[in-house]
Amino acid sequence: MGFEKKYKVLGDIKLDELATKPDFEMKSKKAVRKLDEVSRRLGKFQDIMYAHNRYSVLICLQGMDAAGKDSLIREVFKSFNARGVDVQSFKRPTSFELEHDYMWRHYVTLPERGKFTVFNRTHYENVLVSKVHPEIVLNERIPNIESLEDITDDFWEKRYTEIQNFEKHISNNGVIVLKFFLHMSKDEQKSRILRRLDKDKHNWKFEPADVKERQYWEDYQRYYEMAISKTSTEQCPWYVIPADNKDLCRYILASILEEVMSQYDDIKIPELPDNVKADLALYKERLMSE
């Protein structure tokens, strides 16, 4: 369907002008079936990428609370070899992490060559939640940042630049960086949070902060627009995925992954050296004669 070009961010965006539901119809059962097919092909591709051992893939997932990140990870990557995909979830920085710069904990969890890593929430939290609640920045103990008044527009512009430089650097060294914003409506978030409250098996997912943070919805939307618009590049693009329908959201995101990966036609199973290949029959004979 050409989802990669359809949902790729190529300039400044306004989230209220972008749909939270796809502009095409597909029944959930069909979307689940097609996702299964795509997931299996991606799993096979990862096996080839592992053997090739030149690239790795970093998938960055962002979205408001209850956007469906956890279930998306489970469904999209269920056909992968367990060795081939790693999931990193970033919550409030620990005291140990705060002894380093804000990018450190992300850098040390980057994927090894041949593997996929999913960041469930990402380094972008440092220009999202930290921008909504700038007092968080004071915990980082940055030189010359002593009060909220020191956290100026220039400070945030530097962070956007630092994030871009980080992504460009790792991309230049073989990490394929793909960033996804799961674009959910405020009404849909309300329905999902209520579902967590109504159903016992989902109660564990609920946090009072989920309700409290809704009062900052417009702030988050504005800061997402700024972060995505300023840091989406051809090398490390953002995709805004309609997320009100979870099944279609998962299928769209998986399809974009497959479309992007298919562009790397240099990723192939490596061939044996000629001298080893010439002696394969000999090795087989030796084993058979044991």
C-alpha atoms as a PDB file:
ATOM      1  CA  MET A   1       0.000   0.000   0.000  1.00  0.00           C
ATOM      2  CA  GLY A   2       2.997   2.342   0.189  1.00  0.00           C
ATOM      3  CA  PHE A   3       2.627   3.184   3.868  1.00  0.00           C
ATOM      4  CA  GLU A   4       6.239   4.324   4.184  1.00  0.00           C
ATOM      5  CA  LYS A   5       5.798   7.447   2.062  1.00  0.00           C
ATOM      6  CA  LYS A   6       2.237   8.013   3.250  1.00  0.00           C
ATOM      7  CA  TYR A   7       3.089   8.388   6.936  1.00  0.00           C
ATOM      8  CA  LYS A   8       6.634   9.729   6.755  1.00  0.00           C
ATOM      9  CA  VAL A   9       7.140  13.241   8.123  1.00  0.00           C
ATOM     10  CA  LEU A  10       8.782  15.487   5.556  1.00  0.00           C
ATOM     11  CA  GLY A  11       8.374  18.890   7.175  1.00  0.00           C
ATOM     12  CA  ASP A  12       6.537  20.779   9.887  1.00  0.00           C
ATOM     13  CA  ILE A  13       3.409  19.048  11.137  1.00  0.00           C
ATOM     14  CA  LYS A  14       0.249  19.898  13.054  1.00  0.00           C
ATOM     15  CA  LEU A  15      -1.082  16.851  14.824  1.00  0.00           C
ATOM     16  CA  ASP A  16      -4.661  18.094  14.868  1.00  0.00           C
ATOM     17  CA  GLU A  17      -4.515  18.070  11.065  1.00  0.00           C
ATOM     18  CA  LEU A  18      -3.423  14.425  10.953  1.00  0.00           C
ATOM     19  CA  ALA A  19      -5.947  11.615  11.275  1.00  0.00           C
ATOM     20  CA  THR A  20      -5.928   9.262  14.246  1.00  0.00           C
ATOM     21  CA  LYS A  21      -7.763   6.668  12.138  1.00  0.00           C
ATOM     22  CA  PRO A  22      -6.549   5.307   8.767  1.00  0.00           C
ATOM     23  CA  ASP A  23      -8.255   6.574   5.612  1.00  0.00           C
ATOM     24  CA  PHE A  24      -8.806   3.016   4.366  1.00  0.00           C
ATOM     25  CA  GLU A  25     -11.034   0.215   5.579  1.00  0.00           C
ATOM     26  CA  MET A  26      -9.831  -3.200   6.661  1.00  0.00           C
ATOM     27  CA  LYS A  27     -11.491  -5.618   9.027  1.00  0.00           C
ATOM     28  CA  SER A  28      -9.538  -6.436  12.160  1.00  0.00           C
ATOM     29  CA  LYS A  29      -9.298 -10.135  11.312  1.00  0.00           C
ATOM     30  CA  LYS A  30      -7.705  -9.335   7.978  1.00  0.00           C
ATOM     31  CA  ALA A  31      -5.320  -6.834   9.567  1.00  0.00           C
ATOM     32  CA  VAL A  32      -4.238  -9.450  12.132  1.00  0.00           C
ATOM     33  CA  ARG A  33      -3.705 -12.039   9.389  1.00  0.00           C
ATOM     34  CA  LYS A  34      -1.689  -9.659   7.232  1.00  0.00           C
ATOM     35  CA  LEU A  35       0.356  -8.567  10.255  1.00  0.00           C
ATOM     36  CA  ASP A  36       1.229 -12.211  10.919  1.00  0.00           C
ATOM     37  CA  GLU A  37       2.507 -12.533   7.345  1.00  0.00           C
ATOM     38  CA  VAL A  38       4.598  -9.365   7.568  1.00  0.00           C
ATOM     39  CA  SER A  39       5.958 -10.328  10.987  1.00  0.00           C
ATOM     40  CA  ARG A  40       7.164 -13.696   9.686  1.00  0.00           C
ATOM     41  CA  ARG A  41       8.926 -12.035   6.742  1.00  0.00           C
ATOM     42  CA  LEU A  42      10.565  -9.506   9.065  1.00  0.00           C
ATOM     43  CA  GLY A  43      11.731 -12.339  11.304  1.00  0.00           C
ATOM     44  CA  LYS A  44      13.375 -14.056   8.353  1.00  0.00           C
ATOM     45  CA  PHE A  45      14.977 -10.774   7.318  1.00  0.00           C
ATOM     46  CA  GLN A  46      16.424 -10.349  10.795  1.00  0.00           C
ATOM     47  CA  ASP A  47      18.038 -13.799  10.519  1.00  0.00           C
ATOM     48  CA  ILE A  48      19.707 -12.701   7.295  1.00  0.00           C
ATOM     49  CA  MET A  49      20.750  -9.386   8.855  1.00  0.00           C
ATOM     50  CA  TYR A  50      22.262 -11.301  11.787  1.00  0.00           C
ATOM     51  CA  ALA A  51      24.370 -13.389   9.413  1.00  0.00           C
ATOM     52  CA  HIS A  52      25.327 -10.318   7.384  1.00  0.00           C
ATOM     53  CA  ASN A  53      26.481  -8.611  10.606  1.00  0.00           C
ATOM     54  CA  ARG A  54      26.826  -5.077   9.258  1.00  0.00           C
ATOM     55  CA  TYR A  55      23.606  -3.285  10.220  1.00  0.00           C
ATOM     56  CA  SER A  56      21.341  -3.077  13.237  1.00  0.00           C
ATOM     57  CA  VAL A  57      17.897  -1.499  13.604  1.00  0.00           C
ATOM     58  CA  LEU A  58      16.701   0.934  16.270  1.00  0.00           C
ATOM     59  CA  ILE A  59      12.939   1.390  16.450  1.00  0.00           C
ATOM     60  CA  CYS A  60      11.805   4.316  18.578  1.00  0.00           C
ATOM     61  CA  LEU A  61       8.207   4.251  19.817  1.00  0.00           C
ATOM     62  CA  GLN A  62       6.538   7.303  21.283  1.00  0.00           C
ATOM     63  CA  GLY A  63       2.923   8.009  22.110  1.00  0.00           C
ATOM     64  CA  MET A  64       0.645   9.298  24.813  1.00  0.00           C
ATOM     65  CA  ASP A  65      -0.255   7.024  27.729  1.00  0.00           C
ATOM     66  CA  ALA A  66      -2.388   4.053  26.561  1.00  0.00           C
ATOM     67  CA  ALA A  67      -1.376   4.500  22.909  1.00  0.00           C
ATOM     68  CA  GLY A  68      -0.730   0.748  22.647  1.00  0.00           C
ATOM     69  CA  LYS A  69       3.064   0.566  22.567  1.00  0.00           C
ATOM     70  CA  ASP A  70       3.402  -2.597  24.675  1.00  0.00           C
ATOM     71  CA  SER A  71       0.863  -4.653  22.748  1.00  0.00           C
ATOM     72  CA  LEU A  72       2.261  -3.400  19.438  1.00  0.00           C
ATOM     73  CA  ILE A  73       5.735  -4.641  20.363  1.00  0.00           C
ATOM     74  CA  ARG A  74       4.319  -8.010  21.361  1.00  0.00           C
ATOM     75  CA  GLU A  75       2.366  -8.503  18.141  1.00  0.00           C
ATOM     76  CA  VAL A  76       4.760  -7.032  15.578  1.00  0.00           C
ATOM     77  CA  PHE A  77       7.834  -8.925  16.812  1.00  0.00           C
ATOM     78  CA  LYS A  78       6.270 -12.217  17.858  1.00  0.00           C
ATOM     79  CA  SER A  79       7.766 -14.097  14.883  1.00  0.00           C
ATOM     80  CA  PHE A  80      11.327 -12.958  15.583  1.00  0.00           C
ATOM     81  CA  ASN A  81      14.008 -15.238  16.942  1.00  0.00           C
ATOM     82  CA  ALA A  82      14.350 -14.267  20.607  1.00  0.00           C
ATOM     83  CA  ARG A  83      18.050 -13.544  20.115  1.00  0.00           C
ATOM     84  CA  GLY A  84      17.284 -11.037  17.380  1.00  0.00           C
ATOM     85  CA  VAL A  85      15.179  -8.415  19.148  1.00  0.00           C
ATOM     86  CA  ASP A  86      15.584  -6.551  22.412  1.00  0.00           C
ATOM     87  CA  VAL A  87      13.116  -4.170  24.081  1.00  0.00           C
ATOM     88  CA  GLN A  88      14.245  -1.293  26.273  1.00  0.00           C
ATOM     89  CA  SER A  89      11.695   0.640  28.345  1.00  0.00           C
ATOM     90  CA  PHE A  90      12.826   3.953  29.753  1.00  0.00           C
ATOM     91  CA  LYS A  91      11.127   5.207  32.884  1.00  0.00           C
ATOM     92  CA  ARG A  92      12.199   7.782  35.448  1.00  0.00           C
ATOM     93  CA  PRO A  93      16.034   7.889  35.455  1.00  0.00           C
ATOM     94  CA  THR A  94      17.647   6.035  38.330  1.00  0.00           C
ATOM     95  CA  SER A  95      20.163   7.689  40.644  1.00  0.00           C
ATOM     96  CA  PHE A  96      22.912   5.821  38.786  1.00  0.00           C
ATOM     97  CA  GLU A  97      21.679   7.029  35.382  1.00  0.00           C
ATOM     98  CA  LEU A  98      21.536  10.592  36.694  1.00  0.00           C
ATOM     99  CA  GLU A  99      25.284  10.387  37.315  1.00  0.00           C
ATOM    100  CA  HIS A 100      25.680  10.464  33.513  1.00  0.00           C
ATOM    101  CA  ASP A 101      24.418  12.763  30.774  1.00  0.00           C
ATOM    102  CA  TYR A 102      20.811  12.301  29.669  1.00  0.00           C
ATOM    103  CA  MET A 103      21.738  10.361  26.504  1.00  0.00           C
ATOM    104  CA  TRP A 104      24.007   7.852  28.239  1.00  0.00           C
ATOM    105  CA  ARG A 105      21.361   5.301  29.196  1.00  0.00           C
ATOM    106  CA  HIS A 106      20.103   5.238  25.625  1.00  0.00           C
ATOM    107  CA  TYR A 107      23.549   4.909  24.090  1.00  0.00           C
ATOM    108  CA  VAL A 108      24.490   1.855  26.175  1.00  0.00           C
ATOM    109  CA  THR A 109      21.342  -0.015  25.094  1.00  0.00           C
ATOM    110  CA  LEU A 110      21.759   0.439  21.337  1.00  0.00           C
ATOM    111  CA  PRO A 111      21.360  -2.741  19.248  1.00  0.00           C
ATOM    112  CA  GLU A 112      24.286  -4.979  18.444  1.00  0.00           C
ATOM    113  CA  ARG A 113      25.032  -5.541  14.767  1.00  0.00           C
ATOM    114  CA  GLY A 114      22.500  -7.907  13.256  1.00  0.00           C
ATOM    115  CA  LYS A 115      19.809  -7.185  15.830  1.00  0.00           C
ATOM    116  CA  PHE A 116      16.688  -5.073  16.338  1.00  0.00           C
ATOM    117  CA  THR A 117      16.196  -2.975  19.467  1.00  0.00           C
ATOM    118  CA  VAL A 118      12.906  -1.297  20.327  1.00  0.00           C
ATOM    119  CA  PHE A 119      12.932   1.759  22.552  1.00  0.00           C
ATOM    120  CA  ASN A 120       9.567   1.839  24.333  1.00  0.00           C
ATOM    121  CA  ARG A 121       9.661   5.533  25.112  1.00  0.00           C
ATOM    122  CA  THR A 122      12.929   7.033  24.036  1.00  0.00           C
ATOM    123  CA  HIS A 123      15.529   9.761  24.298  1.00  0.00           C
ATOM    124  CA  TYR A 124      12.750  12.090  23.099  1.00  0.00           C
ATOM    125  CA  GLU A 125      11.267  12.055  26.597  1.00  0.00           C
ATOM    126  CA  ASN A 126      14.020  14.593  27.297  1.00  0.00           C
ATOM    127  CA  VAL A 127      12.269  17.136  25.054  1.00  0.00           C
ATOM    128  CA  LEU A 128       8.716  15.996  25.849  1.00  0.00           C
ATOM    129  CA  VAL A 129       7.931  15.159  29.473  1.00  0.00           C
ATOM    130  CA  SER A 130      10.956  17.197  30.549  1.00  0.00           C
ATOM    131  CA  LYS A 131       9.558  20.151  28.644  1.00  0.00           C
ATOM    132  CA  VAL A 132       6.091  19.776  30.169  1.00  0.00           C
ATOM    133  CA  HIS A 133       7.710  19.408  33.613  1.00  0.00           C
ATOM    134  CA  PRO A 134      11.030  21.312  33.322  1.00  0.00           C
ATOM    135  CA  GLU A 135      11.822  20.778  37.000  1.00  0.00           C
ATOM    136  CA  ILE A 136      12.956  17.296  35.885  1.00  0.00           C
ATOM    137  CA  VAL A 137      15.951  18.900  34.178  1.00  0.00           C
ATOM    138  CA  LEU A 138      17.214  20.255  37.507  1.00  0.00           C
ATOM    139  CA  ASN A 139      17.747  16.650  38.657  1.00  0.00           C
ATOM    140  CA  GLU A 140      20.407  16.274  35.937  1.00  0.00           C
ATOM    141  CA  ARG A 141      22.714  18.734  37.713  1.00  0.00           C
ATOM    142  CA  ILE A 142      23.903  20.357  34.493  1.00  0.00           C
ATOM    143  CA  PRO A 143      26.499  23.122  34.905  1.00  0.00           C
ATOM    144  CA  ASN A 144      24.932  26.609  34.845  1.00  0.00           C
ATOM    145  CA  ILE A 145      21.392  25.231  35.094  1.00  0.00           C
ATOM    146  CA  GLU A 146      20.483  26.228  38.634  1.00  0.00           C
ATOM    147  CA  SER A 147      16.818  27.195  38.310  1.00  0.00           C
ATOM    148  CA  LEU A 148      13.869  26.988  35.935  1.00  0.00           C
ATOM    149  CA  GLU A 149      14.779  30.428  34.618  1.00  0.00           C
ATOM    150  CA  ASP A 150      18.001  28.951  33.230  1.00  0.00           C
ATOM    151  CA  ILE A 151      16.054  26.499  31.061  1.00  0.00           C
ATOM    152  CA  THR A 152      15.522  28.774  28.072  1.00  0.00           C
ATOM    153  CA  ASP A 153      14.409  28.242  24.490  1.00  0.00           C
ATOM    154  CA  ASP A 154      18.105  28.049  23.551  1.00  0.00           C
ATOM    155  CA  PHE A 155      18.512  25.157  25.983  1.00  0.00           C
ATOM    156  CA  TRP A 156      15.801  23.156  24.198  1.00  0.00           C
ATOM    157  CA  GLU A 157      17.159  24.033  20.755  1.00  0.00           C
ATOM    158  CA  LYS A 158      20.527  22.635  21.822  1.00  0.00           C
ATOM    159  CA  ARG A 159      18.819  19.433  22.937  1.00  0.00           C
ATOM    160  CA  TYR A 160      17.131  19.005  19.568  1.00  0.00           C
ATOM    161  CA  THR A 161      20.522  19.445  17.916  1.00  0.00           C
ATOM    162  CA  GLU A 162      22.177  16.982  20.310  1.00  0.00           C
ATOM    163  CA  ILE A 163      19.502  14.388  19.570  1.00  0.00           C
ATOM    164  CA  GLN A 164      19.935  14.881  15.829  1.00  0.00           C
ATOM    165  CA  ASN A 165      23.708  14.536  16.155  1.00  0.00           C
ATOM    166  CA  PHE A 166      23.318  11.352  18.212  1.00  0.00           C
ATOM    167  CA  GLU A 167      21.036   9.772  15.615  1.00  0.00           C
ATOM    168  CA  LYS A 168      23.190  10.877  12.691  1.00  0.00           C
ATOM    169  CA  HIS A 169      26.287   9.439  14.352  1.00  0.00           C
ATOM    170  CA  ILE A 170      24.802   6.002  15.034  1.00  0.00           C
ATOM    171  CA  SER A 171      23.164   5.936  11.603  1.00  0.00           C
ATOM    172  CA  ASN A 172      26.518   6.660   9.952  1.00  0.00           C
ATOM    173  CA  ASN A 173      27.850   3.630  11.804  1.00  0.00           C
ATOM    174  CA  GLY A 174      25.263   1.131  10.636  1.00  0.00           C
ATOM    175  CA  VAL A 175      22.233   1.644  12.900  1.00  0.00           C
ATOM    176  CA  ILE A 176      19.027   2.010  10.881  1.00  0.00           C
ATOM    177  CA  VAL A 177      16.983   4.517  12.912  1.00  0.00           C
ATOM    178  CA  LEU A 178      13.187   4.554  12.520  1.00  0.00           C
ATOM    179  CA  LYS A 179      10.950   6.645  14.778  1.00  0.00           C
ATOM    180  CA  PHE A 180       7.206   6.167  15.203  1.00  0.00           C
ATOM    181  CA  PHE A 181       4.637   8.350  16.927  1.00  0.00           C
ATOM    182  CA  LEU A 182       1.410   6.476  17.679  1.00  0.00           C
ATOM    183  CA  HIS A 183      -1.137   9.209  17.033  1.00  0.00           C
ATOM    184  CA  MET A 184      -4.176   8.626  19.252  1.00  0.00           C
ATOM    185  CA  SER A 185      -7.120  10.920  19.904  1.00  0.00           C
ATOM    186  CA  LYS A 186      -7.870  12.244  23.372  1.00  0.00           C
ATOM    187  CA  ASP A 187     -11.276  10.527  23.339  1.00  0.00           C
ATOM    188  CA  GLU A 188      -9.675   7.190  22.499  1.00  0.00           C
ATOM    189  CA  GLN A 189      -7.206   7.596  25.342  1.00  0.00           C
ATOM    190  CA  LYS A 190     -10.093   8.253  27.714  1.00  0.00           C
ATOM    191  CA  SER A 191     -11.842   5.062  26.573  1.00  0.00           C
ATOM    192  CA  ARG A 192      -8.700   2.979  27.052  1.00  0.00           C
ATOM    193  CA  ILE A 193      -8.000   4.352  30.528  1.00  0.00           C
ATOM    194  CA  LEU A 194     -11.615   3.686  31.539  1.00  0.00           C
ATOM    195  CA  ARG A 195     -11.222   0.135  30.249  1.00  0.00           C
ATOM    196  CA  ARG A 196      -8.226  -0.303  32.511  1.00  0.00           C
ATOM    197  CA  LEU A 197     -10.355   0.798  35.448  1.00  0.00           C
ATOM    198  CA  ASP A 198     -13.389  -1.327  34.526  1.00  0.00           C
ATOM    199  CA  LYS A 199     -11.644  -4.636  33.859  1.00  0.00           C
ATOM    200  CA  ASP A 200      -9.836  -6.389  36.693  1.00  0.00           C
ATOM    201  CA  LYS A 201      -7.264  -7.974  34.396  1.00  0.00           C
ATOM    202  CA  HIS A 202      -6.220  -4.540  33.142  1.00  0.00           C
ATOM    203  CA  ASN A 203      -6.204  -2.726  36.517  1.00  0.00           C
ATOM    204  CA  TRP A 204      -2.480  -3.284  36.953  1.00  0.00           C
ATOM    205  CA  LYS A 205      -1.783  -1.040  33.970  1.00  0.00           C
ATOM    206  CA  PHE A 206      -3.491   1.943  35.558  1.00  0.00           C
ATOM    207  CA  GLU A 207      -1.515   4.716  37.170  1.00  0.00           C
ATOM    208  CA  PRO A 208      -3.059   7.884  38.642  1.00  0.00           C
ATOM    209  CA  ALA A 209      -0.557   9.837  36.533  1.00  0.00           C
ATOM    210  CA  ASP A 210      -2.409   8.614  33.420  1.00  0.00           C
ATOM    211  CA  VAL A 211      -5.353  10.802  34.437  1.00  0.00           C
ATOM    212  CA  LYS A 212      -3.282  13.644  35.845  1.00  0.00           C
ATOM    213  CA  GLU A 213      -1.228  14.032  32.664  1.00  0.00           C
ATOM    214  CA  ARG A 214      -4.355  14.469  30.535  1.00  0.00           C
ATOM    215  CA  GLN A 215      -4.532  18.065  31.749  1.00  0.00           C
ATOM    216  CA  TYR A 216      -1.308  18.636  29.806  1.00  0.00           C
ATOM    217  CA  TRP A 217      -2.624  17.065  26.592  1.00  0.00           C
ATOM    218  CA  GLU A 218      -2.296  20.231  24.507  1.00  0.00           C
ATOM    219  CA  ASP A 219       1.215  20.864  25.809  1.00  0.00           C
ATOM    220  CA  TYR A 220       2.289  17.344  24.890  1.00  0.00           C
ATOM    221  CA  GLN A 221       0.763  17.665  21.433  1.00  0.00           C
ATOM    222  CA  ARG A 222       2.602  20.942  20.843  1.00  0.00           C
ATOM    223  CA  TYR A 223       5.932  19.561  22.038  1.00  0.00           C
ATOM    224  CA  TYR A 224       5.507  16.397  19.977  1.00  0.00           C
ATOM    225  CA  GLU A 225       4.898  18.573  16.924  1.00  0.00           C
ATOM    226  CA  MET A 226       8.092  20.508  17.619  1.00  0.00           C
ATOM    227  CA  ALA A 227      10.227  17.444  18.319  1.00  0.00           C
ATOM    228  CA  ILE A 228       9.009  15.522  15.281  1.00  0.00           C
ATOM    229  CA  SER A 229       9.200  18.486  12.915  1.00  0.00           C
ATOM    230  CA  LYS A 230      12.710  19.452  14.025  1.00  0.00           C
ATOM    231  CA  THR A 231      14.251  15.963  14.022  1.00  0.00           C
ATOM    232  CA  SER A 232      12.663  14.039  11.149  1.00  0.00           C
ATOM    233  CA  THR A 233      15.293  13.565   8.449  1.00  0.00           C
ATOM    234  CA  GLU A 234      15.722  11.289   5.454  1.00  0.00           C
ATOM    235  CA  GLN A 235      18.459   9.498   7.356  1.00  0.00           C
ATOM    236  CA  CYS A 236      16.463   9.119  10.604  1.00  0.00           C
ATOM    237  CA  PRO A 237      12.794   9.695   9.764  1.00  0.00           C
ATOM    238  CA  TRP A 238       9.684  10.013  11.900  1.00  0.00           C
ATOM    239  CA  TYR A 239       6.393   8.344  10.974  1.00  0.00           C
ATOM    240  CA  VAL A 240       3.073   9.469  12.460  1.00  0.00           C
ATOM    241  CA  ILE A 241       0.839   6.381  12.606  1.00  0.00           C
ATOM    242  CA  PRO A 242      -2.938   6.599  13.224  1.00  0.00           C
ATOM    243  CA  ALA A 243      -3.392   4.652  16.459  1.00  0.00           C
ATOM    244  CA  ASP A 244      -7.086   4.689  17.392  1.00  0.00           C
ATOM    245  CA  ASN A 245      -7.438   1.221  15.830  1.00  0.00           C
ATOM    246  CA  LYS A 246      -4.759  -0.995  17.379  1.00  0.00           C
ATOM    247  CA  ASP A 247      -4.904  -3.771  14.769  1.00  0.00           C
ATOM    248  CA  LEU A 248      -4.475  -1.389  11.849  1.00  0.00           C
ATOM    249  CA  CYS A 249      -1.801   0.592  13.684  1.00  0.00           C
ATOM    250  CA  ARG A 250       0.287  -2.562  14.173  1.00  0.00           C
ATOM    251  CA  TYR A 251      -0.152  -3.636  10.563  1.00  0.00           C
ATOM    252  CA  ILE A 252       0.806  -0.196   9.226  1.00  0.00           C
ATOM    253  CA  LEU A 253       3.926   0.041  11.373  1.00  0.00           C
ATOM    254  CA  ALA A 254       5.080  -3.492  10.486  1.00  0.00           C
ATOM    255  CA  SER A 255       4.495  -2.782   6.803  1.00  0.00           C
ATOM    256  CA  ILE A 256       6.615   0.369   7.004  1.00  0.00           C
ATOM    257  CA  LEU A 257       9.413  -1.654   8.591  1.00  0.00           C
ATOM    258  CA  GLU A 258       9.234  -4.172   5.776  1.00  0.00           C
ATOM    259  CA  GLU A 259       9.204  -1.455   3.112  1.00  0.00           C
ATOM    260  CA  VAL A 260      12.267   0.217   4.607  1.00  0.00           C
ATOM    261  CA  MET A 261      14.187  -3.027   5.101  1.00  0.00           C
ATOM    262  CA  SER A 262      13.536  -4.077   1.514  1.00  0.00           C
ATOM    263  CA  GLN A 263      15.546  -1.057   0.361  1.00  0.00           C
ATOM    264  CA  TYR A 264      18.732  -2.551   1.838  1.00  0.00           C
ATOM    265  CA  ASP A 265      19.517  -4.930  -1.008  1.00  0.00           C
ATOM    266  CA  ASP A 266      23.097  -5.313   0.210  1.00  0.00           C
ATOM    267  CA  ILE A 267      21.903  -7.287   3.248  1.00  0.00           C
ATOM    268  CA  LYS A 268      22.466 -10.895   2.186  1.00  0.00           C
ATOM    269  CA  ILE A 269      23.623 -14.205   3.594  1.00  0.00           C
ATOM    270  CA  PRO A 270      27.430 -14.072   3.317  1.00  0.00           C
ATOM    271  CA  GLU A 271      29.076 -16.624   1.062  1.00  0.00           C
ATOM    272  CA  LEU A 272      31.767 -18.969   2.265  1.00  0.00           C
ATOM    273  CA  PRO A 273      35.322 -18.236   1.119  1.00  0.00           C
ATOM    274  CA  ASP A 274      36.196 -20.072  -2.104  1.00  0.00           C
ATOM    275  CA  ASN A 275      38.812 -22.250  -0.409  1.00  0.00           C
ATOM    276  CA  VAL A 276      36.257 -23.452   2.181  1.00  0.00           C
ATOM    277  CA  LYS A 277      33.517 -23.916  -0.387  1.00  0.00           C
ATOM    278  CA  ALA A 278      35.841 -26.043  -2.546  1.00  0.00           C
ATOM    279  CA  ASP A 279      36.423 -28.442   0.341  1.00  0.00           C
ATOM    280  CA  LEU A 280      32.812 -28.862   1.495  1.00  0.00           C
ATOM    281  CA  ALA A 281      32.605 -32.356   0.024  1.00  0.00           C
ATOM    282  CA  LEU A 282      35.781 -33.283   1.897  1.00  0.00           C
ATOM    283  CA  TYR A 283      34.403 -32.031   5.228  1.00  0.00           C
ATOM    284  CA  LYS A 284      31.177 -33.919   4.656  1.00  0.00           C
ATOM    285  CA  GLU A 285      33.104 -37.101   3.846  1.00  0.00           C
ATOM    286  CA  ARG A 286      35.127 -36.811   7.049  1.00  0.00           C
ATOM    287  CA  LEU A 287      32.008 -36.396   9.161  1.00  0.00           C
ATOM    288  CA  MET A 288      30.229 -39.285   7.466  1.00  0.00           C
ATOM    289  CA  SER A 289      33.202 -41.569   8.036  1.00  0.00           C
ATOM    290  CA  GLU A 290      33.283 -41.039  11.792  1.00  0.00           C
END
